[in-house]
Amino acid sequence: MFLQDILPKMSKLYLGRIVDSFLKDVHLETEEEMRELILKNVDEFQNKERVKTFLDFTNEVRDVALLNELILMSLMEQEGYFLSEADLYKEVEDIQQTILEQSTDDEYIKRFIPQDSNRIYSAVLDEAWKKDESLNEHEINILNVLRSELDLSKREHYLLESRIGRFPQKDNILHTNQQISRSLINLQTRGLVLRFRDDTSYYIIPKDIARILRYEMGGELRNEVYETLLNDLSVNQLREILQQLDFNVSGVKEEIIARIIEHNILPSVALKVFSSKELSEILRTLEGAKVSGTKKEKIQNIIDYYEMLSTPTSSDPTDERSRLYDFYEELATRNYKTLRVNKVINKDVNIDNYFEDATKYIFEKKLDLNLINMEGTRHADGKIEFNKREVILWDNKSTEEPYSFPEKHFNQFLRYIRSEEMRVTLFLIIVHDYTKEAVAQAQKLKAFSEEDTDVALIKASDLMYVAEEWKTFSNQKNPDFNLQVFNITGELTRNLLLNRMEWALSSTIRT
């Protein structure tokens, strides 16, 4: 879920924490003012440098800093990056318990941490902890540098810390729910984790910043995606992973994959078994993946590739267009890499037609509207009956940069409007984003239409939001969608759509 999808589900207290995370000395009275201000400053919220700054926990007390990392690790391992409150508390406890158990297994430590690295890092770690009950910023920095030089992960740091009785707390005591709660508040004030309520309370890393956060923390793959990676490797490659780590290599492919996951062999650890040349060969089989770089960079490139994979099943098995709908925003922004990785497109030229097909799916299946067939090819992408005398036209414009509404399109749309037999009450333009110039062009097209045709710009993400949420705004048992929701000139922003759905969908009468 993106930030704009989460905000409507958040109450004033939690909205205030987001505002405070990147906008100082701002006092707002209402939830609506807060949501509007956050959306206006979304670029600052998702700024990479802001996220990196707030991921630095060195100035926090030990327990808060550690739990911050464990909470983020827990959320990053979930599809959608969210968990219910109860599940999150349990997940953090389970991670701590698993690390404690693994740390007491000498064979496990020997397999995953090279002997020399274990000896050197453990000596420095033990010495750093001898001084007092915490590590200062200088000691943490030295350990971070040493980990990097020895090629140890943060999880391996926790394993070795546990062996000297310092993880999760002194004498290996688990953190309490109260301590986890304090860290959750800390993460909210940093704008890294949001709390919202649906049927229950949830914590989520917004999709806007999830990839930045995962990359900066060296996050691993979710199990279901990891299984896809392992399935793409040969049986010999899978056996090589187990053999190098001294595990049983027997069995068919499915059994070997299950064993790799069962023994918590992380993707980065599994891939480290292969030589740089072998990693390059794997990368060459992944369309669009970067092949060059150091061995460490190649491993990260493979993980990044599979991180972009989504669940292969579509949201609506009865309609093949639903798979396109699931990637609607990627089609709108021409995200070639993600679309290819998930086998949504075979050729780049597919994008425009698929974006159009997904939009038809929204109007037909999600909004339950009847589309009007159009003859020939020189017409808008779609047409809907507004009433007995008027129609609505729409057109999709898929662009990598925000849509600027060039004169070529202005003349094209004007021709579409004027060539219609019935009056066009609204011309809707669907894009991933748009410029201020595009909004001005919309106003101009209305004036030039000579029929007082409204011209509205809507983001694909906002049209999806309407498609998913419109029924919740109606007080009818079996509501009809009211096209007045879209019928204005200018920007159809999320806030405006919310307001228009509130009044337009309280009645089943269609004008």
Foldseek 3Di string as FASTA:
>chain_A
DAPLLFLVQDADVLLVLLCLQQPPPDDDDHSLVSSVVCVVVVCRLLPLVLLVVLLDCQPPFLLLNVLLLLLQLQQLLDVQSKDFLVVSVVSSQVLLVVLLVLLVDPLSCVLQAPPVLLVVLLVLVVVQCVPDQGHHSVSVVVSVVSCVVRVHAVSNVQSSCSNVQPPPHRNSDDDDPVSSVVSLSSCSSNSQWGWGDDPGIMIGGHPSHSVSVCVVNVHFYHLVLVLVVLVPDDLVLLLLLCVSSVHDSDDDSVVSSVVCVVSVCTQLNSQVSDDLVVLLVSQVVQPPFDRDDDSSVSSVSSRVLSNLEDPLDFPDPVDPLSVLLVCLLCLQQLVVSSCVSSVVDPDSVCSQVSNLSNVVCLVCPLQVFDWDDDDDDLAASTWGDQDPQEIEGEHEDRHNDAAQCDPVVLVSVLCRQVPDPGHYQEYEYEHQHHDPNNLVSQVVSCVVSVRNHAYEYEYSVLSVVCSPCLVVLEPDPDAHDEPVLGRHHGYSDNSSSVVSSNPRRPDRDGD
